[in-house]
Amino acid sequence: MRSSQLLIQRKAEAPHLLAAGAKFLVAGGKTAAIFGEPPKSRIAVVAFENMDKALAAYSSAAYKEALAIGSKYAKFHAYAIEGLPQ
């Protein structure tokens, strides 16, 4: 994904995720392999208050519409992982 395409995707998806309570911890940036091969593309790490809010945000109609835009430019993989108590 080129930088211009990433910008289009971020502009489309970020408002919907932020409105759902998302906090972007990582978005793009340099990746270094510690063990194994690094991902072949950009990575975003997004935190939500809980699993239910994360699943609701990514299954919303607004996010699906934004994803349809991004899918024209790249393949996406998304995973929800329950975090540890802080």
N, C-alpha and C. Protein backbone atom coordinates (compact mmCIF):
# COMPACT_ATOMS: atom_id res chain seq x y z
N MET A 1 0.85 -1.17 0.00
CA MET A 1 0.00 0.00 0.00
C MET A 1 0.90 1.23 0.00
N ARG A 2 0.68 2.12 -0.91
CA ARG A 2 1.45 3.35 -0.96
C ARG A 2 0.95 4.32 0.10
N SER A 3 1.77 5.30 0.45
CA SER A 3 1.42 6.27 1.48
C SER A 3 0.12 6.99 1.17
N SER A 4 -0.09 7.37 -0.09
CA SER A 4 -1.32 8.07 -0.45
C SER A 4 -2.54 7.18 -0.25
N GLN A 5 -2.41 5.91 -0.54
CA GLN A 5 -3.52 4.97 -0.34
C GLN A 5 -3.79 4.76 1.15
N LEU A 6 -2.72 4.69 1.95
CA LEU A 6 -2.88 4.53 3.39
C LEU A 6 -3.60 5.74 3.96
N LEU A 7 -3.26 6.92 3.49
CA LEU A 7 -3.90 8.13 3.98
C LEU A 7 -5.40 8.12 3.66
N ILE A 8 -5.76 7.69 2.45
CA ILE A 8 -7.17 7.58 2.08
C ILE A 8 -7.89 6.64 3.03
N GLN A 9 -7.28 5.47 3.32
CA GLN A 9 -7.90 4.50 4.21
C GLN A 9 -8.03 5.05 5.62
N ARG A 10 -6.99 5.68 6.14
CA ARG A 10 -7.05 6.22 7.50
C ARG A 10 -8.11 7.29 7.63
N LYS A 11 -8.22 8.16 6.63
CA LYS A 11 -9.24 9.21 6.67
C LYS A 11 -10.64 8.61 6.66
N ALA A 12 -10.80 7.47 5.99
CA ALA A 12 -12.11 6.84 5.91
C ALA A 12 -12.47 6.09 7.18
N GLU A 13 -11.50 5.38 7.78
CA GLU A 13 -11.84 4.51 8.91
C GLU A 13 -11.65 5.16 10.27
N ALA A 14 -10.69 6.03 10.43
CA ALA A 14 -10.36 6.57 11.75
C ALA A 14 -11.54 7.26 12.44
N PRO A 15 -12.31 8.13 11.78
CA PRO A 15 -13.41 8.79 12.50
C PRO A 15 -14.42 7.80 13.11
N HIS A 16 -14.69 6.73 12.40
CA HIS A 16 -15.65 5.75 12.89
C HIS A 16 -15.10 5.00 14.09
N LEU A 17 -13.84 4.65 14.05
CA LEU A 17 -13.23 3.94 15.17
C LEU A 17 -13.06 4.86 16.37
N LEU A 18 -12.62 6.09 16.13
CA LEU A 18 -12.46 7.04 17.23
C LEU A 18 -13.79 7.33 17.90
N ALA A 19 -14.85 7.45 17.12
CA ALA A 19 -16.18 7.68 17.68
C ALA A 19 -16.64 6.51 18.54
N ALA A 20 -16.11 5.32 18.26
CA ALA A 20 -16.46 4.12 19.03
C ALA A 20 -15.54 3.93 20.24
N GLY A 21 -14.66 4.90 20.48
CA GLY A 21 -13.79 4.83 21.65
C GLY A 21 -12.41 4.26 21.40
N ALA A 22 -12.02 4.12 20.13
CA ALA A 22 -10.71 3.57 19.81
C ALA A 22 -9.60 4.54 20.17
N LYS A 23 -8.45 3.96 20.54
CA LYS A 23 -7.24 4.74 20.78
C LYS A 23 -6.14 4.07 19.95
N PHE A 24 -5.62 4.80 18.95
CA PHE A 24 -4.57 4.25 18.11
C PHE A 24 -3.25 4.28 18.87
N LEU A 25 -2.68 3.10 19.12
CA LEU A 25 -1.40 2.98 19.81
C LEU A 25 -0.25 2.93 18.83
N VAL A 26 -0.45 2.30 17.69
CA VAL A 26 0.55 2.16 16.64
C VAL A 26 -0.18 2.28 15.31
N ALA A 27 0.42 3.01 14.37
CA ALA A 27 -0.14 3.09 13.02
C ALA A 27 1.01 3.30 12.05
N GLY A 28 1.38 2.23 11.36
CA GLY A 28 2.51 2.31 10.44
C GLY A 28 3.81 2.34 11.22
N GLY A 29 4.75 3.09 10.74
CA GLY A 29 6.02 3.22 11.44
C GLY A 29 6.97 2.07 11.17
N LYS A 30 8.17 2.22 11.65
CA LYS A 30 9.22 1.24 11.43
C LYS A 30 8.95 -0.03 12.22
N THR A 31 9.19 -1.17 11.59
CA THR A 31 9.01 -2.47 12.23
C THR A 31 10.35 -3.20 12.23
N ALA A 32 10.71 -3.77 13.36
CA ALA A 32 11.96 -4.54 13.46
C ALA A 32 11.61 -5.95 13.92
N ALA A 33 12.18 -6.94 13.27
CA ALA A 33 11.93 -8.33 13.64
C ALA A 33 12.80 -8.70 14.84
N ILE A 34 12.21 -9.25 15.86
CA ILE A 34 12.94 -9.78 17.01
C ILE A 34 13.09 -11.29 16.83
N PHE A 35 11.97 -11.97 16.60
CA PHE A 35 11.93 -13.40 16.28
C PHE A 35 11.06 -13.57 15.05
N GLY A 36 11.50 -14.35 14.10
CA GLY A 36 10.70 -14.60 12.90
C GLY A 36 10.75 -13.43 11.93
N GLU A 37 9.94 -13.53 10.90
CA GLU A 37 9.90 -12.50 9.87
C GLU A 37 8.94 -11.39 10.27
N PRO A 38 9.28 -10.15 9.93
CA PRO A 38 8.35 -9.06 10.23
C PRO A 38 7.16 -9.11 9.29
N PRO A 39 6.05 -8.49 9.66
CA PRO A 39 4.91 -8.41 8.75
C PRO A 39 5.33 -7.75 7.44
N LYS A 40 4.70 -8.14 6.37
CA LYS A 40 5.07 -7.62 5.07
C LYS A 40 4.40 -6.28 4.76
N SER A 41 3.53 -5.82 5.63
CA SER A 41 2.84 -4.56 5.38
C SER A 41 2.74 -3.76 6.68
N ARG A 42 2.06 -2.65 6.59
CA ARG A 42 1.91 -1.77 7.75
C ARG A 42 1.00 -2.41 8.80
N ILE A 43 1.23 -1.99 10.04
CA ILE A 43 0.48 -2.52 11.17
C ILE A 43 -0.17 -1.37 11.93
N ALA A 44 -1.36 -1.59 12.43
CA ALA A 44 -2.00 -0.66 13.35
C ALA A 44 -2.41 -1.46 14.58
N VAL A 45 -2.19 -0.89 15.75
CA VAL A 45 -2.65 -1.48 17.00
C VAL A 45 -3.62 -0.47 17.60
N VAL A 46 -4.84 -0.92 17.81
CA VAL A 46 -5.91 -0.05 18.28
C VAL A 46 -6.46 -0.63 19.57
N ALA A 47 -6.57 0.20 20.59
CA ALA A 47 -7.09 -0.26 21.88
C ALA A 47 -8.53 0.24 22.08
N PHE A 48 -9.33 -0.62 22.68
CA PHE A 48 -10.70 -0.28 23.06
C PHE A 48 -10.86 -0.59 24.55
N GLU A 49 -11.89 -0.05 25.13
CA GLU A 49 -12.16 -0.27 26.55
C GLU A 49 -12.39 -1.74 26.86
N ASN A 50 -13.05 -2.44 25.94
CA ASN A 50 -13.29 -3.87 26.15
C ASN A 50 -13.56 -4.55 24.81
N MET A 51 -13.63 -5.87 24.85
CA MET A 51 -13.81 -6.66 23.63
C MET A 51 -15.13 -6.34 22.93
N ASP A 52 -16.20 -6.16 23.70
CA ASP A 52 -17.50 -5.87 23.10
C ASP A 52 -17.45 -4.59 22.27
N LYS A 53 -16.78 -3.56 22.78
CA LYS A 53 -16.70 -2.30 22.04
C LYS A 53 -15.85 -2.45 20.78
N ALA A 54 -14.80 -3.24 20.87
CA ALA A 54 -13.97 -3.47 19.68
C ALA A 54 -14.77 -4.20 18.61
N LEU A 55 -15.44 -5.25 18.98
CA LEU A 55 -16.22 -6.02 18.01
C LEU A 55 -17.34 -5.19 17.41
N ALA A 56 -17.98 -4.36 18.24
CA ALA A 56 -19.05 -3.50 17.73
C ALA A 56 -18.51 -2.48 16.74
N ALA A 57 -17.36 -1.90 17.03
CA ALA A 57 -16.78 -0.89 16.15
C ALA A 57 -16.46 -1.48 14.78
N TYR A 58 -15.85 -2.65 14.77
CA TYR A 58 -15.44 -3.25 13.50
C TYR A 58 -16.58 -3.93 12.75
N SER A 59 -17.71 -4.13 13.40
CA SER A 59 -18.85 -4.73 12.69
C SER A 59 -19.91 -3.69 12.34
N SER A 60 -19.63 -2.42 12.65
CA SER A 60 -20.61 -1.37 12.36
C SER A 60 -20.72 -1.13 10.85
N ALA A 61 -21.86 -0.63 10.44
CA ALA A 61 -22.08 -0.32 9.03
C ALA A 61 -21.11 0.76 8.56
N ALA A 62 -20.83 1.73 9.41
CA ALA A 62 -19.92 2.82 9.03
C ALA A 62 -18.51 2.29 8.78
N TYR A 63 -18.04 1.38 9.63
CA TYR A 63 -16.69 0.83 9.42
C TYR A 63 -16.67 -0.04 8.17
N LYS A 64 -17.70 -0.84 7.97
CA LYS A 64 -17.73 -1.70 6.78
C LYS A 64 -17.69 -0.88 5.50
N GLU A 65 -18.32 0.27 5.52
CA GLU A 65 -18.30 1.17 4.36
C GLU A 65 -16.87 1.69 4.14
N ALA A 66 -16.19 2.07 5.22
CA ALA A 66 -14.81 2.54 5.12
C ALA A 66 -13.88 1.43 4.64
N LEU A 67 -14.10 0.22 5.13
CA LEU A 67 -13.29 -0.92 4.73
C LEU A 67 -13.43 -1.21 3.24
N ALA A 68 -14.62 -1.00 2.72
CA ALA A 68 -14.84 -1.21 1.29
C ALA A 68 -13.96 -0.29 0.46
N ILE A 69 -13.72 0.93 0.95
CA ILE A 69 -12.83 1.86 0.26
C ILE A 69 -11.40 1.34 0.31
N GLY A 70 -10.94 0.98 1.50
CA GLY A 70 -9.58 0.50 1.66
C GLY A 70 -9.30 -0.80 0.93
N SER A 71 -10.30 -1.63 0.82
CA SER A 71 -10.12 -2.93 0.17
C SER A 71 -9.83 -2.80 -1.32
N LYS A 72 -10.06 -1.64 -1.86
CA LYS A 72 -9.71 -1.40 -3.27
C LYS A 72 -8.20 -1.32 -3.44
N TYR A 73 -7.49 -1.02 -2.35
CA TYR A 73 -6.05 -0.76 -2.42
C TYR A 73 -5.19 -1.82 -1.75
N ALA A 74 -5.74 -2.58 -0.81
CA ALA A 74 -4.91 -3.51 -0.05
C ALA A 74 -5.76 -4.60 0.57
N LYS A 75 -5.08 -5.65 1.04
CA LYS A 75 -5.73 -6.70 1.82
C LYS A 75 -5.55 -6.35 3.30
N PHE A 76 -6.57 -6.60 4.08
CA PHE A 76 -6.51 -6.28 5.50
C PHE A 76 -6.73 -7.53 6.34
N HIS A 77 -6.09 -7.57 7.47
CA HIS A 77 -6.29 -8.62 8.46
C HIS A 77 -6.53 -7.90 9.77
N ALA A 78 -7.52 -8.34 10.52
CA ALA A 78 -7.81 -7.72 11.81
C ALA A 78 -8.08 -8.82 12.83
N TYR A 79 -7.58 -8.59 14.03
CA TYR A 79 -7.75 -9.56 15.11
C TYR A 79 -8.12 -8.79 16.37
N ALA A 80 -8.97 -9.34 17.16
CA ALA A 80 -9.30 -8.76 18.47
C ALA A 80 -8.68 -9.66 19.53
N ILE A 81 -7.92 -9.06 20.42
CA ILE A 81 -7.22 -9.80 21.47
C ILE A 81 -7.55 -9.15 22.81
N GLU A 82 -8.06 -9.93 23.72
CA GLU A 82 -8.38 -9.39 25.04
C GLU A 82 -7.09 -9.10 25.79
N GLY A 83 -7.00 -7.89 26.32
CA GLY A 83 -5.79 -7.46 27.02
C GLY A 83 -5.79 -7.87 28.48
N LEU A 84 -4.68 -7.58 29.12
CA LEU A 84 -4.52 -7.85 30.53
C LEU A 84 -5.06 -6.68 31.36
N PRO A 85 -5.54 -6.94 32.56
CA PRO A 85 -5.99 -5.84 33.42
C PRO A 85 -4.84 -4.87 33.68
N GLN A 86 -5.13 -3.61 33.69
CA GLN A 86 -4.11 -2.57 33.92
C GLN A 86 -4.27 -1.96 35.29
